[in-house]
Amino acid sequence: MHRVDCPNLRELMARNGERVIEVEWGRPKSGEAALYPVDVTVEATDRQGLLRDVLEVFAKEKFNVVGAQTQTIKGTAWMTLTVEVSDSSRLGKVLATVAGLSGVRAARRR
């Protein structure tokens, strides 16, 4: 799946235009921005309340978390969260806030 302005799509169309099909996703309601699912990863030192603290950052910024996987190995917590995003610049700010939480080593878009 590629957006119309994706450089990879332009290249694919130039080489194999017959493989490209037009699709249309549900449109947002009038006045609402389109939402896209984005996976983010968090690596942190495991501690009590870590998941709650990470999810609270997304909730305060009104991001809907639609999926979560967590695993702890030898004291390191790995989280993969799927969040609905309308503006990637806002996501960067939220990830910076998550990265500032106690014990978090990294928070980035996957």
N, C-alpha and C. Protein backbone atom coordinates (compact mmCIF):
# COMPACT_ATOMS: atom_id res chain seq x y z
N MET A 1 0.85 -1.17 0.00
CA MET A 1 0.00 0.00 0.00
C MET A 1 0.90 1.23 0.00
N HIS A 2 0.66 2.13 -0.92
CA HIS A 2 1.45 3.36 -1.04
C HIS A 2 0.51 4.54 -1.22
N ARG A 3 0.94 5.67 -0.72
CA ARG A 3 0.19 6.90 -0.97
C ARG A 3 0.52 7.38 -2.38
N VAL A 4 -0.34 8.19 -2.94
CA VAL A 4 -0.15 8.69 -4.30
C VAL A 4 1.17 9.45 -4.44
N ASP A 5 1.60 10.13 -3.39
CA ASP A 5 2.83 10.93 -3.48
C ASP A 5 4.09 10.14 -3.10
N CYS A 6 4.00 8.83 -2.96
CA CYS A 6 5.13 7.99 -2.57
C CYS A 6 6.09 7.81 -3.75
N PRO A 7 7.40 8.11 -3.56
CA PRO A 7 8.36 7.93 -4.65
C PRO A 7 8.48 6.47 -5.10
N ASN A 8 8.30 5.52 -4.18
CA ASN A 8 8.35 4.11 -4.56
C ASN A 8 7.20 3.75 -5.50
N LEU A 9 6.03 4.34 -5.27
CA LEU A 9 4.89 4.09 -6.15
C LEU A 9 5.18 4.63 -7.55
N ARG A 10 5.74 5.81 -7.63
CA ARG A 10 6.06 6.39 -8.95
C ARG A 10 7.01 5.47 -9.71
N GLU A 11 8.00 4.94 -9.02
CA GLU A 11 8.97 4.04 -9.66
C GLU A 11 8.29 2.75 -10.11
N LEU A 12 7.44 2.20 -9.25
CA LEU A 12 6.71 0.98 -9.59
C LEU A 12 5.82 1.20 -10.82
N MET A 13 5.15 2.33 -10.86
CA MET A 13 4.27 2.63 -11.99
C MET A 13 5.07 2.76 -13.29
N ALA A 14 6.27 3.34 -13.20
CA ALA A 14 7.10 3.51 -14.39
C ALA A 14 7.59 2.15 -14.91
N ARG A 15 7.92 1.24 -14.00
CA ARG A 15 8.45 -0.07 -14.40
C ARG A 15 7.35 -1.08 -14.68
N ASN A 16 6.34 -1.14 -13.82
CA ASN A 16 5.29 -2.18 -13.91
C ASN A 16 3.92 -1.57 -13.67
N GLY A 17 3.53 -0.65 -14.50
CA GLY A 17 2.26 0.04 -14.32
C GLY A 17 1.05 -0.87 -14.26
N GLU A 18 1.14 -2.03 -14.93
CA GLU A 18 0.01 -2.97 -14.94
C GLU A 18 -0.23 -3.62 -13.58
N ARG A 19 0.75 -3.53 -12.67
CA ARG A 19 0.61 -4.13 -11.34
C ARG A 19 -0.07 -3.18 -10.35
N VAL A 20 -0.26 -1.94 -10.75
CA VAL A 20 -0.83 -0.93 -9.86
C VAL A 20 -2.35 -0.91 -10.02
N ILE A 21 -3.04 -0.99 -8.88
CA ILE A 21 -4.49 -0.88 -8.92
C ILE A 21 -4.91 0.28 -8.02
N GLU A 22 -5.96 0.92 -8.40
CA GLU A 22 -6.46 2.05 -7.63
C GLU A 22 -7.35 1.54 -6.51
N VAL A 23 -7.15 2.06 -5.32
CA VAL A 23 -7.97 1.69 -4.18
C VAL A 23 -8.45 2.95 -3.48
N GLU A 24 -9.49 2.79 -2.71
CA GLU A 24 -10.00 3.92 -1.94
C GLU A 24 -10.40 3.40 -0.57
N TRP A 25 -9.89 4.04 0.46
CA TRP A 25 -10.21 3.67 1.83
C TRP A 25 -11.40 4.49 2.29
N GLY A 26 -12.00 4.07 3.36
CA GLY A 26 -13.10 4.85 3.92
C GLY A 26 -12.67 6.29 4.15
N ARG A 27 -13.52 7.19 3.85
CA ARG A 27 -13.19 8.61 4.01
C ARG A 27 -13.55 9.07 5.41
N PRO A 28 -12.74 9.96 5.97
CA PRO A 28 -13.07 10.49 7.30
C PRO A 28 -14.32 11.36 7.20
N LYS A 29 -15.00 11.51 8.31
CA LYS A 29 -16.16 12.39 8.37
C LYS A 29 -15.72 13.82 8.09
N SER A 30 -16.63 14.62 7.65
CA SER A 30 -16.32 16.01 7.33
C SER A 30 -15.65 16.70 8.51
N GLY A 31 -14.52 17.34 8.25
CA GLY A 31 -13.81 18.06 9.29
C GLY A 31 -12.82 17.21 10.08
N GLU A 32 -12.80 15.89 9.86
CA GLU A 32 -11.87 15.01 10.57
C GLU A 32 -10.70 14.66 9.66
N ALA A 33 -9.52 14.49 10.26
CA ALA A 33 -8.34 14.09 9.50
C ALA A 33 -8.34 12.58 9.31
N ALA A 34 -7.75 12.11 8.22
CA ALA A 34 -7.61 10.68 7.99
C ALA A 34 -6.63 10.11 9.01
N LEU A 35 -6.88 8.89 9.47
CA LEU A 35 -6.02 8.23 10.44
C LEU A 35 -5.33 7.04 9.79
N TYR A 36 -4.06 6.85 10.11
CA TYR A 36 -3.28 5.75 9.57
C TYR A 36 -2.65 4.97 10.71
N PRO A 37 -2.68 3.62 10.65
CA PRO A 37 -2.04 2.84 11.70
C PRO A 37 -0.52 2.88 11.53
N VAL A 38 0.18 3.14 12.61
CA VAL A 38 1.63 3.21 12.60
C VAL A 38 2.16 2.41 13.78
N ASP A 39 3.17 1.58 13.52
CA ASP A 39 3.81 0.83 14.60
C ASP A 39 4.96 1.62 15.19
N VAL A 40 5.03 1.65 16.50
CA VAL A 40 6.14 2.28 17.21
C VAL A 40 6.74 1.25 18.17
N THR A 41 8.02 1.39 18.44
CA THR A 41 8.67 0.47 19.38
C THR A 41 9.25 1.27 20.53
N VAL A 42 9.23 0.64 21.68
CA VAL A 42 9.79 1.22 22.90
C VAL A 42 10.70 0.17 23.52
N GLU A 43 11.91 0.57 23.86
CA GLU A 43 12.84 -0.29 24.59
C GLU A 43 13.12 0.39 25.92
N ALA A 44 13.02 -0.35 27.01
CA ALA A 44 13.18 0.26 28.33
C ALA A 44 13.63 -0.78 29.35
N THR A 45 14.18 -0.27 30.42
CA THR A 45 14.43 -1.12 31.58
C THR A 45 13.07 -1.42 32.20
N ASP A 46 12.79 -2.70 32.40
CA ASP A 46 11.48 -3.09 32.93
C ASP A 46 11.30 -2.56 34.35
N ARG A 47 10.09 -2.09 34.61
CA ARG A 47 9.74 -1.63 35.96
C ARG A 47 8.23 -1.66 36.10
N GLN A 48 7.77 -1.68 37.33
CA GLN A 48 6.34 -1.67 37.58
C GLN A 48 5.75 -0.35 37.08
N GLY A 49 4.65 -0.44 36.34
CA GLY A 49 3.96 0.75 35.86
C GLY A 49 4.47 1.29 34.54
N LEU A 50 5.47 0.64 33.94
CA LEU A 50 6.05 1.14 32.69
C LEU A 50 5.01 1.21 31.58
N LEU A 51 4.30 0.13 31.34
CA LEU A 51 3.29 0.11 30.28
C LEU A 51 2.23 1.18 30.52
N ARG A 52 1.78 1.30 31.75
CA ARG A 52 0.77 2.32 32.09
C ARG A 52 1.30 3.71 31.75
N ASP A 53 2.56 3.99 32.11
CA ASP A 53 3.13 5.31 31.86
C ASP A 53 3.24 5.61 30.37
N VAL A 54 3.65 4.61 29.59
CA VAL A 54 3.77 4.80 28.14
C VAL A 54 2.39 5.05 27.53
N LEU A 55 1.42 4.23 27.90
CA LEU A 55 0.07 4.39 27.35
C LEU A 55 -0.56 5.71 27.77
N GLU A 56 -0.23 6.17 28.97
CA GLU A 56 -0.77 7.45 29.45
C GLU A 56 -0.30 8.61 28.57
N VAL A 57 0.94 8.56 28.10
CA VAL A 57 1.45 9.62 27.21
C VAL A 57 0.59 9.67 25.94
N PHE A 58 0.34 8.50 25.34
CA PHE A 58 -0.48 8.48 24.13
C PHE A 58 -1.91 8.94 24.42
N ALA A 59 -2.47 8.54 25.53
CA ALA A 59 -3.83 8.93 25.88
C ALA A 59 -3.95 10.43 26.08
N LYS A 60 -2.98 11.03 26.79
CA LYS A 60 -3.02 12.48 27.03
C LYS A 60 -2.97 13.26 25.73
N GLU A 61 -2.27 12.72 24.73
CA GLU A 61 -2.15 13.40 23.44
C GLU A 61 -3.24 12.99 22.46
N LYS A 62 -4.22 12.22 22.96
CA LYS A 62 -5.39 11.81 22.17
C LYS A 62 -5.03 10.90 20.99
N PHE A 63 -4.02 10.05 21.17
CA PHE A 63 -3.69 9.04 20.18
C PHE A 63 -4.41 7.75 20.59
N ASN A 64 -5.05 7.11 19.64
CA ASN A 64 -5.72 5.85 19.91
C ASN A 64 -4.73 4.71 19.71
N VAL A 65 -4.47 3.93 20.74
CA VAL A 65 -3.61 2.76 20.65
C VAL A 65 -4.51 1.58 20.31
N VAL A 66 -4.31 0.99 19.11
CA VAL A 66 -5.19 -0.07 18.65
C VAL A 66 -4.56 -1.46 18.75
N GLY A 67 -3.29 -1.51 19.14
CA GLY A 67 -2.63 -2.80 19.31
C GLY A 67 -1.42 -2.65 20.19
N ALA A 68 -1.10 -3.71 20.94
CA ALA A 68 0.07 -3.66 21.82
C ALA A 68 0.63 -5.06 22.00
N GLN A 69 1.95 -5.16 21.90
CA GLN A 69 2.67 -6.39 22.22
C GLN A 69 3.81 -5.99 23.14
N THR A 70 3.98 -6.72 24.23
CA THR A 70 5.07 -6.43 25.15
C THR A 70 5.76 -7.73 25.53
N GLN A 71 7.05 -7.61 25.77
CA GLN A 71 7.82 -8.77 26.19
C GLN A 71 9.00 -8.25 27.00
N THR A 72 9.32 -8.96 28.06
CA THR A 72 10.48 -8.60 28.87
C THR A 72 11.46 -9.77 28.86
N ILE A 73 12.70 -9.45 28.53
CA ILE A 73 13.77 -10.45 28.52
C ILE A 73 14.95 -9.89 29.31
N LYS A 74 15.32 -10.58 30.36
CA LYS A 74 16.47 -10.20 31.19
C LYS A 74 16.43 -8.73 31.61
N GLY A 75 15.27 -8.29 32.05
CA GLY A 75 15.14 -6.94 32.57
C GLY A 75 14.91 -5.85 31.54
N THR A 76 14.89 -6.21 30.26
CA THR A 76 14.63 -5.23 29.21
C THR A 76 13.23 -5.46 28.65
N ALA A 77 12.43 -4.42 28.67
CA ALA A 77 11.07 -4.48 28.14
C ALA A 77 11.08 -4.00 26.69
N TRP A 78 10.42 -4.76 25.85
CA TRP A 78 10.25 -4.41 24.44
C TRP A 78 8.76 -4.26 24.19
N MET A 79 8.36 -3.13 23.65
CA MET A 79 6.94 -2.89 23.35
C MET A 79 6.80 -2.52 21.88
N THR A 80 5.81 -3.06 21.25
CA THR A 80 5.41 -2.63 19.92
C THR A 80 3.95 -2.21 20.03
N LEU A 81 3.71 -0.94 19.75
CA LEU A 81 2.36 -0.38 19.84
C LEU A 81 1.91 0.05 18.45
N THR A 82 0.67 -0.21 18.12
CA THR A 82 0.09 0.31 16.89
C THR A 82 -0.82 1.45 17.28
N VAL A 83 -0.52 2.64 16.75
CA VAL A 83 -1.31 3.83 17.08
C VAL A 83 -1.89 4.42 15.80
N GLU A 84 -3.04 5.05 15.94
CA GLU A 84 -3.65 5.74 14.80
C GLU A 84 -3.12 7.16 14.75
N VAL A 85 -2.59 7.52 13.58
CA VAL A 85 -1.89 8.80 13.42
C VAL A 85 -2.49 9.58 12.26
N SER A 86 -2.68 10.87 12.47
CA SER A 86 -3.12 11.74 11.37
C SER A 86 -2.00 12.69 10.96
N ASP A 87 -1.06 12.91 11.86
CA ASP A 87 0.00 13.90 11.62
C ASP A 87 1.32 13.34 12.17
N SER A 88 2.26 13.03 11.28
CA SER A 88 3.51 12.40 11.72
C SER A 88 4.35 13.33 12.59
N SER A 89 4.21 14.63 12.44
CA SER A 89 5.00 15.54 13.30
C SER A 89 4.53 15.45 14.75
N ARG A 90 3.23 15.26 14.96
CA ARG A 90 2.73 15.07 16.33
C ARG A 90 3.27 13.77 16.92
N LEU A 91 3.36 12.73 16.09
CA LEU A 91 3.88 11.46 16.57
C LEU A 91 5.31 11.62 17.06
N GLY A 92 6.12 12.37 16.35
CA GLY A 92 7.50 12.60 16.77
C GLY A 92 7.58 13.24 18.14
N LYS A 93 6.71 14.19 18.41
CA LYS A 93 6.69 14.85 19.70
C LYS A 93 6.28 13.89 20.81
N VAL A 94 5.30 13.04 20.53
CA VAL A 94 4.84 12.07 21.53
C VAL A 94 5.95 11.06 21.82
N LEU A 95 6.64 10.61 20.78
CA LEU A 95 7.73 9.65 20.98
C LEU A 95 8.87 10.28 21.78
N ALA A 96 9.11 11.55 21.59
CA ALA A 96 10.13 12.24 22.40
C ALA A 96 9.72 12.27 23.87
N THR A 97 8.45 12.47 24.13
CA THR A 97 7.95 12.46 25.51
C THR A 97 8.10 11.06 26.11
N VAL A 98 7.74 10.03 25.34
CA VAL A 98 7.90 8.65 25.81
C VAL A 98 9.37 8.37 26.10
N ALA A 99 10.25 8.81 25.22
CA ALA A 99 11.69 8.58 25.40
C ALA A 99 12.21 9.23 26.68
N GLY A 100 11.53 10.24 27.17
CA GLY A 100 11.94 10.92 28.39
C GLY A 100 11.43 10.27 29.67
N LEU A 101 10.61 9.23 29.54
CA LEU A 101 10.11 8.54 30.72
C LEU A 101 11.24 7.77 31.42
N SER A 102 11.09 7.59 32.70
CA SER A 102 12.07 6.88 33.50
C SER A 102 12.33 5.48 32.96
N GLY A 103 13.58 5.17 32.66
CA GLY A 103 13.98 3.85 32.21
C GLY A 103 13.88 3.61 30.72
N VAL A 104 13.26 4.52 29.98
CA VAL A 104 13.10 4.31 28.53
C VAL A 104 14.42 4.63 27.83
N ARG A 105 14.89 3.68 27.05
CA ARG A 105 16.14 3.85 26.30
C ARG A 105 15.89 4.38 24.89
N ALA A 106 14.78 3.96 24.29
CA ALA A 106 14.48 4.37 22.93
C ALA A 106 12.99 4.27 22.68
N ALA A 107 12.47 5.20 21.88
CA ALA A 107 11.08 5.19 21.43
C ALA A 107 11.10 5.73 20.01
N ARG A 108 10.70 4.90 19.07
CA ARG A 108 10.79 5.31 17.66
C ARG A 108 9.72 4.65 16.81
N ARG A 109 9.52 5.25 15.66
CA ARG A 109 8.61 4.67 14.66
C ARG A 109 9.30 3.44 14.08
N ARG A 110 8.53 2.41 13.88
CA ARG A 110 9.10 1.16 13.36
C ARG A 110 9.25 1.21 11.86
